[in-house]
PDB file of N, CA and C in Angstrom:
ATOM      1  N   MET A   1       3.603 -19.541  33.939  1.00  0.00           N
ATOM      2  CA  MET A   1       3.134 -18.643  32.817  1.00  0.00           C
ATOM      3  C   MET A   1       3.805 -18.784  31.375  1.00  0.00           C
ATOM      4  N   ASP A   2       2.335 -18.939  30.363  1.00  0.00           N
ATOM      5  CA  ASP A   2       3.025 -19.551  29.012  1.00  0.00           C
ATOM      6  C   ASP A   2       3.203 -18.105  28.436  1.00  0.00           C
ATOM      7  N   ILE A   3       4.333 -18.150  27.623  1.00  0.00           N
ATOM      8  CA  ILE A   3       4.884 -16.877  27.051  1.00  0.00           C
ATOM      9  C   ILE A   3       3.945 -16.556  25.873  1.00  0.00           C
ATOM     10  N   PHE A   4       2.654 -17.654  25.473  1.00  0.00           N
ATOM     11  CA  PHE A   4       2.244 -17.445  24.278  1.00  0.00           C
ATOM     12  C   PHE A   4       0.615 -17.007  24.358  1.00  0.00           C
ATOM     13  N   GLN A   5       0.245 -16.846  25.587  1.00  0.00           N
ATOM     14  CA  GLN A   5      -0.826 -16.466  25.955  1.00  0.00           C
ATOM     15  C   GLN A   5      -0.947 -14.624  25.555  1.00  0.00           C
ATOM     16  N   LYS A   6      -2.119 -14.137  25.364  1.00  0.00           N
ATOM     17  CA  LYS A   6      -2.367 -12.955  24.840  1.00  0.00           C
ATOM     18  C   LYS A   6      -2.365 -11.702  25.931  1.00  0.00           C
ATOM     19  N   ASP A   7      -2.356 -11.916  27.245  1.00  0.00           N
ATOM     20  CA  ASP A   7      -2.189 -11.294  28.376  1.00  0.00           C
ATOM     21  C   ASP A   7      -0.876 -11.276  29.099  1.00  0.00           C
ATOM     22  N   ASN A   8      -0.114 -11.761  28.297  1.00  0.00           N
ATOM     23  CA  ASN A   8       1.648 -12.001  29.071  1.00  0.00           C
ATOM     24  C   ASN A   8       2.086 -10.464  29.035  1.00  0.00           C
ATOM     25  N   ILE A   9       2.835 -10.494  30.168  1.00  0.00           N
ATOM     26  CA  ILE A   9       3.090  -9.316  30.466  1.00  0.00           C
ATOM     27  C   ILE A   9       4.456  -8.687  29.345  1.00  0.00           C
ATOM     28  N   LEU A  10       4.828  -9.900  28.659  1.00  0.00           N
ATOM     29  CA  LEU A  10       5.974  -9.549  27.267  1.00  0.00           C
ATOM     30  C   LEU A  10       5.579  -8.673  26.583  1.00  0.00           C
ATOM     31  N   HIS A  11       4.361  -9.243  26.218  1.00  0.00           N
ATOM     32  CA  HIS A  11       3.238  -8.678  25.197  1.00  0.00           C
ATOM     33  C   HIS A  11       3.042  -7.285  25.453  1.00  0.00           C
ATOM     34  N   LYS A  12       2.472  -6.961  26.554  1.00  0.00           N
ATOM     35  CA  LYS A  12       2.081  -5.677  26.857  1.00  0.00           C
ATOM     36  C   LYS A  12       3.108  -4.723  27.162  1.00  0.00           C
ATOM     37  N   ILE A  13       4.644  -4.923  27.411  1.00  0.00           N
ATOM     38  CA  ILE A  13       6.118  -4.198  27.214  1.00  0.00           C
ATOM     39  C   ILE A  13       5.903  -4.040  25.902  1.00  0.00           C
ATOM     40  N   LEU A  14       6.074  -5.085  24.466  1.00  0.00           N
ATOM     41  CA  LEU A  14       5.954  -4.955  23.603  1.00  0.00           C
ATOM     42  C   LEU A  14       5.286  -4.312  22.910  1.00  0.00           C
ATOM     43  N   ARG A  15       4.066  -3.852  23.323  1.00  0.00           N
ATOM     44  CA  ARG A  15       3.220  -3.182  22.388  1.00  0.00           C
ATOM     45  C   ARG A  15       3.327  -1.268  23.228  1.00  0.00           C
ATOM     46  N   PHE A  16       3.685  -1.539  24.410  1.00  0.00           N
ATOM     47  CA  PHE A  16       3.863   0.040  25.011  1.00  0.00           C
ATOM     48  C   PHE A  16       5.198   0.433  24.330  1.00  0.00           C
ATOM     49  N   SER A  17       6.188  -0.390  24.373  1.00  0.00           N
ATOM     50  CA  SER A  17       7.630   0.262  24.264  1.00  0.00           C
ATOM     51  C   SER A  17       7.522   0.474  22.639  1.00  0.00           C
ATOM     52  N   LEU A  18       6.978  -0.256  21.480  1.00  0.00           N
ATOM     53  CA  LEU A  18       6.562  -0.071  20.110  1.00  0.00           C
ATOM     54  C   LEU A  18       5.731   1.446  20.045  1.00  0.00           C
ATOM     55  N   LEU A  19       4.908   1.725  20.795  1.00  0.00           N
ATOM     56  CA  LEU A  19       3.723   2.757  20.866  1.00  0.00           C
ATOM     57  C   LEU A  19       4.972   4.274  20.902  1.00  0.00           C
ATOM     58  N   VAL A  20       6.073   3.813  21.887  1.00  0.00           N
ATOM     59  CA  VAL A  20       6.689   4.805  22.487  1.00  0.00           C
ATOM     60  C   VAL A  20       7.583   5.237  21.210  1.00  0.00           C
ATOM     61  N   ALA A  21       8.199   3.967  20.824  1.00  0.00           N
ATOM     62  CA  ALA A  21       9.197   4.711  19.968  1.00  0.00           C
ATOM     63  C   ALA A  21       8.480   4.874  18.624  1.00  0.00           C
ATOM     64  N   LEU A  22       7.307   4.655  18.409  1.00  0.00           N
ATOM     65  CA  LEU A  22       6.241   5.214  17.120  1.00  0.00           C
ATOM     66  C   LEU A  22       6.365   6.748  17.419  1.00  0.00           C
ATOM     67  N   ILE A  23       5.958   7.086  18.645  1.00  0.00           N
ATOM     68  CA  ILE A  23       5.620   8.410  19.092  1.00  0.00           C
ATOM     69  C   ILE A  23       6.945   9.307  18.938  1.00  0.00           C
ATOM     70  N   ILE A  24       7.940   8.860  19.154  1.00  0.00           N
ATOM     71  CA  ILE A  24       9.038   9.667  18.988  1.00  0.00           C
ATOM     72  C   ILE A  24       9.667   9.537  17.815  1.00  0.00           C
ATOM     73  N   SER A  25       9.450   8.843  16.666  1.00  0.00           N
ATOM     74  CA  SER A  25       9.710   8.825  15.155  1.00  0.00           C
ATOM     75  C   SER A  25       9.062   9.616  14.742  1.00  0.00           C
ATOM     76  N   PHE A  26       7.518   9.266  14.768  1.00  0.00           N
ATOM     77  CA  PHE A  26       6.601  10.551  14.151  1.00  0.00           C
ATOM     78  C   PHE A  26       7.081  11.900  14.769  1.00  0.00           C
ATOM     79  N   TYR A  27       7.334  12.291  15.905  1.00  0.00           N
ATOM     80  CA  TYR A  27       7.911  13.531  16.117  1.00  0.00           C
ATOM     81  C   TYR A  27       9.240  14.022  15.311  1.00  0.00           C
ATOM     82  N   ILE A  28      10.148  13.178  15.356  1.00  0.00           N
ATOM     83  CA  ILE A  28      11.296  13.068  14.039  1.00  0.00           C
ATOM     84  C   ILE A  28      10.840  13.406  12.675  1.00  0.00           C
ATOM     85  N   PHE A  29      10.140  12.663  12.526  1.00  0.00           N
ATOM     86  CA  PHE A  29       9.908  12.652  11.134  1.00  0.00           C
ATOM     87  C   PHE A  29       9.226  13.943  11.020  1.00  0.00           C
ATOM     88  N   VAL A  30       8.044  14.407  11.499  1.00  0.00           N
ATOM     89  CA  VAL A  30       7.560  15.707  11.230  1.00  0.00           C
ATOM     90  C   VAL A  30       8.688  16.864  11.462  1.00  0.00           C
ATOM     91  N   ASN A  31       9.273  16.910  12.446  1.00  0.00           N
ATOM     92  CA  ASN A  31      10.218  18.032  12.484  1.00  0.00           C
ATOM     93  C   ASN A  31      11.343  18.071  11.460  1.00  0.00           C
ATOM     94  N   THR A  32      12.111  16.691  10.683  1.00  0.00           N
ATOM     95  CA  THR A  32      12.825  16.634   9.980  1.00  0.00           C
ATOM     96  C   THR A  32      12.078  16.905   8.381  1.00  0.00           C
ATOM     97  N   LEU A  33      11.040  16.551   8.284  1.00  0.00           N
ATOM     98  CA  LEU A  33      10.351  16.636   6.979  1.00  0.00           C
ATOM     99  C   LEU A  33       9.148  17.888   6.738  1.00  0.00           C
ATOM    100  N   VAL A  34       8.283  18.461   7.693  1.00  0.00           N
ATOM    101  CA  VAL A  34       7.703  19.195   7.434  1.00  0.00           C
ATOM    102  C   VAL A  34       8.555  20.678   8.159  1.00  0.00           C
ATOM    103  N   PHE A  35       9.013  20.986   9.139  1.00  0.00           N
ATOM    104  CA  PHE A  35       9.453  22.120   9.736  1.00  0.00           C
ATOM    105  C   PHE A  35      10.847  22.092   9.106  1.00  0.00           C
ATOM    106  N   ASN A  36      11.534  21.263   8.769  1.00  0.00           N
ATOM    107  CA  ASN A  36      12.832  21.567   8.341  1.00  0.00           C
ATOM    108  C   ASN A  36      13.863  22.089   9.079  1.00  0.00           C
ATOM    109  N   GLU A  37      14.205  21.048  10.422  1.00  0.00           N
ATOM    110  CA  GLU A  37      14.512  21.577  11.482  1.00  0.00           C
ATOM    111  C   GLU A  37      16.271  20.938  11.096  1.00  0.00           C
ATOM    112  N   ASN A  38      16.749  20.825  11.569  1.00  0.00           N
ATOM    113  CA  ASN A  38      18.502  20.321  10.991  1.00  0.00           C
ATOM    114  C   ASN A  38      18.813  19.458  12.324  1.00  0.00           C
ATOM    115  N   LYS A  39      18.078  19.631  13.753  1.00  0.00           N
ATOM    116  CA  LYS A  39      18.743  19.016  15.126  1.00  0.00           C
ATOM    117  C   LYS A  39      18.803  17.539  14.861  1.00  0.00           C
ATOM    118  N   HIS A  40      17.658  17.097  14.255  1.00  0.00           N
ATOM    119  CA  HIS A  40      17.362  15.453  13.971  1.00  0.00           C
ATOM    120  C   HIS A  40      17.807  14.973  12.693  1.00  0.00           C
ATOM    121  N   LYS A  41      18.851  15.782  12.037  1.00  0.00           N
ATOM    122  CA  LYS A  41      18.858  14.890  10.724  1.00  0.00           C
ATOM    123  C   LYS A  41      19.949  14.107  10.964  1.00  0.00           C
ATOM    124  N   LYS A  42      20.741  13.973  12.020  1.00  0.00           N
ATOM    125  CA  LYS A  42      21.821  12.585  12.052  1.00  0.00           C
ATOM    126  C   LYS A  42      21.328  11.450  12.127  1.00  0.00           C
ATOM    127  N   ILE A  43      20.250  11.564  12.899  1.00  0.00           N
ATOM    128  CA  ILE A  43      19.493  10.552  13.555  1.00  0.00           C
ATOM    129  C   ILE A  43      18.357  10.075  12.611  1.00  0.00           C
ATOM    130  N   TYR A  44      17.847  10.554  11.760  1.00  0.00           N
ATOM    131  CA  TYR A  44      16.772  10.540  10.612  1.00  0.00           C
ATOM    132  C   TYR A  44      16.811   9.616   9.747  1.00  0.00           C
ATOM    133  N   SER A  45      16.177   8.911   9.510  1.00  0.00           N
ATOM    134  CA  SER A  45      16.022   7.859   8.169  1.00  0.00           C
ATOM    135  C   SER A  45      14.589   7.916   7.623  1.00  0.00           C
ATOM    136  N   THR A  46      14.467   7.745   6.592  1.00  0.00           N
ATOM    137  CA  THR A  46      13.237   7.631   5.424  1.00  0.00           C
ATOM    138  C   THR A  46      12.319   6.350   5.940  1.00  0.00           C
ATOM    139  N   TRP A  47      12.980   5.491   6.193  1.00  0.00           N
ATOM    140  CA  TRP A  47      12.266   4.251   6.211  1.00  0.00           C
ATOM    141  C   TRP A  47      11.848   4.183   7.861  1.00  0.00           C
ATOM    142  N   GLN A  48      12.490   5.078   8.493  1.00  0.00           N
ATOM    143  CA  GLN A  48      11.934   4.700  10.373  1.00  0.00           C
ATOM    144  C   GLN A  48      10.896   5.030  10.441  1.00  0.00           C
ATOM    145  N   PHE A  49      10.102   5.982  10.267  1.00  0.00           N
ATOM    146  CA  PHE A  49       8.652   5.971  10.720  1.00  0.00           C
ATOM    147  C   PHE A  49       7.918   4.973  10.108  1.00  0.00           C
ATOM    148  N   PRO A  50       7.735   4.902   8.800  1.00  0.00           N
ATOM    149  CA  PRO A  50       6.943   4.043   8.028  1.00  0.00           C
ATOM    150  C   PRO A  50       7.036   2.504   8.406  1.00  0.00           C
ATOM    151  N   MET A  51       8.038   2.153   8.616  1.00  0.00           N
ATOM    152  CA  MET A  51       8.437   0.645   9.157  1.00  0.00           C
ATOM    153  C   MET A  51       8.032   0.426  10.663  1.00  0.00           C
ATOM    154  N   ILE A  52       8.232   1.469  11.607  1.00  0.00           N
ATOM    155  CA  ILE A  52       7.937   1.007  12.974  1.00  0.00           C
ATOM    156  C   ILE A  52       6.232   1.336  12.996  1.00  0.00           C
ATOM    157  N   LEU A  53       5.365   1.878  12.446  1.00  0.00           N
ATOM    158  CA  LEU A  53       4.189   1.955  11.993  1.00  0.00           C
ATOM    159  C   LEU A  53       3.529   0.679  11.515  1.00  0.00           C
ATOM    160  N   ALA A  54       4.159   0.068  10.627  1.00  0.00           N
ATOM    161  CA  ALA A  54       4.131  -1.154  10.160  1.00  0.00           C
ATOM    162  C   ALA A  54       4.217  -2.344  11.404  1.00  0.00           C
ATOM    163  N   ILE A  55       5.135  -2.139  11.972  1.00  0.00           N
ATOM    164  CA  ILE A  55       5.511  -3.495  12.922  1.00  0.00           C
ATOM    165  C   ILE A  55       4.441  -3.050  14.391  1.00  0.00           C
ATOM    166  N   TYR A  56       4.203  -1.633  14.406  1.00  0.00           N
ATOM    167  CA  TYR A  56       2.883  -1.808  15.224  1.00  0.00           C
ATOM    168  C   TYR A  56       1.481  -1.737  14.823  1.00  0.00           C
ATOM    169  N   ILE A  57       1.282  -1.754  13.483  1.00  0.00           N
ATOM    170  CA  ILE A  57       0.238  -2.380  12.789  1.00  0.00           C
ATOM    171  C   ILE A  57      -0.135  -3.696  13.059  1.00  0.00           C
ATOM    172  N   ASP A  58       1.071  -4.260  12.913  1.00  0.00           N
ATOM    173  CA  ASP A  58       1.154  -5.753  12.813  1.00  0.00           C
ATOM    174  C   ASP A  58       0.975  -6.677  13.818  1.00  0.00           C
ATOM    175  N   THR A  59       1.217  -6.063  15.059  1.00  0.00           N
ATOM    176  CA  THR A  59       1.169  -6.362  16.448  1.00  0.00           C
ATOM    177  C   THR A  59      -0.063  -6.134  16.867  1.00  0.00           C
ATOM    178  N   ILE A  60      -0.638  -5.174  16.698  1.00  0.00           N
ATOM    179  CA  ILE A  60      -2.156  -4.561  17.186  1.00  0.00           C
ATOM    180  C   ILE A  60      -3.105  -5.760  16.593  1.00  0.00           C
ATOM    181  N   TYR A  61      -2.895  -6.198  15.310  1.00  0.00           N
ATOM    182  CA  TYR A  61      -3.661  -6.965  14.198  1.00  0.00           C
ATOM    183  C   TYR A  61      -3.948  -8.189  14.634  1.00  0.00           C
ATOM    184  N   TYR A  62      -2.263  -8.785  14.968  1.00  0.00           N
ATOM    185  CA  TYR A  62      -2.438 -10.436  15.433  1.00  0.00           C
ATOM    186  C   TYR A  62      -2.749 -10.352  17.037  1.00  0.00           C
ATOM    187  N   TYR A  63      -2.617  -9.496  17.823  1.00  0.00           N
ATOM    188  CA  TYR A  63      -3.019  -9.469  19.159  1.00  0.00           C
ATOM    189  C   TYR A  63      -4.929  -9.888  18.758  1.00  0.00           C
ATOM    190  N   TYR A  64      -5.370  -9.030  18.407  1.00  0.00           N
ATOM    191  CA  TYR A  64      -7.204  -9.038  18.858  1.00  0.00           C
ATOM    192  C   TYR A  64      -7.630  -9.740  17.400  1.00  0.00           C
TER     193      TYR A  64
END
């Protein structure tokens, strides 16, 4: 199994885990900034959602 193949299982796992992290980060982003809920303030950072979104877009862009 070549690690640089497009259909490698590691690439699928990476894309799936990035998607899950992106969804969780978006949930925390919306709850903290839009709804002003304080339960996620300790783990929230302003760079978190945009950075994970950029990494996910970069991964999808270079995959296709």
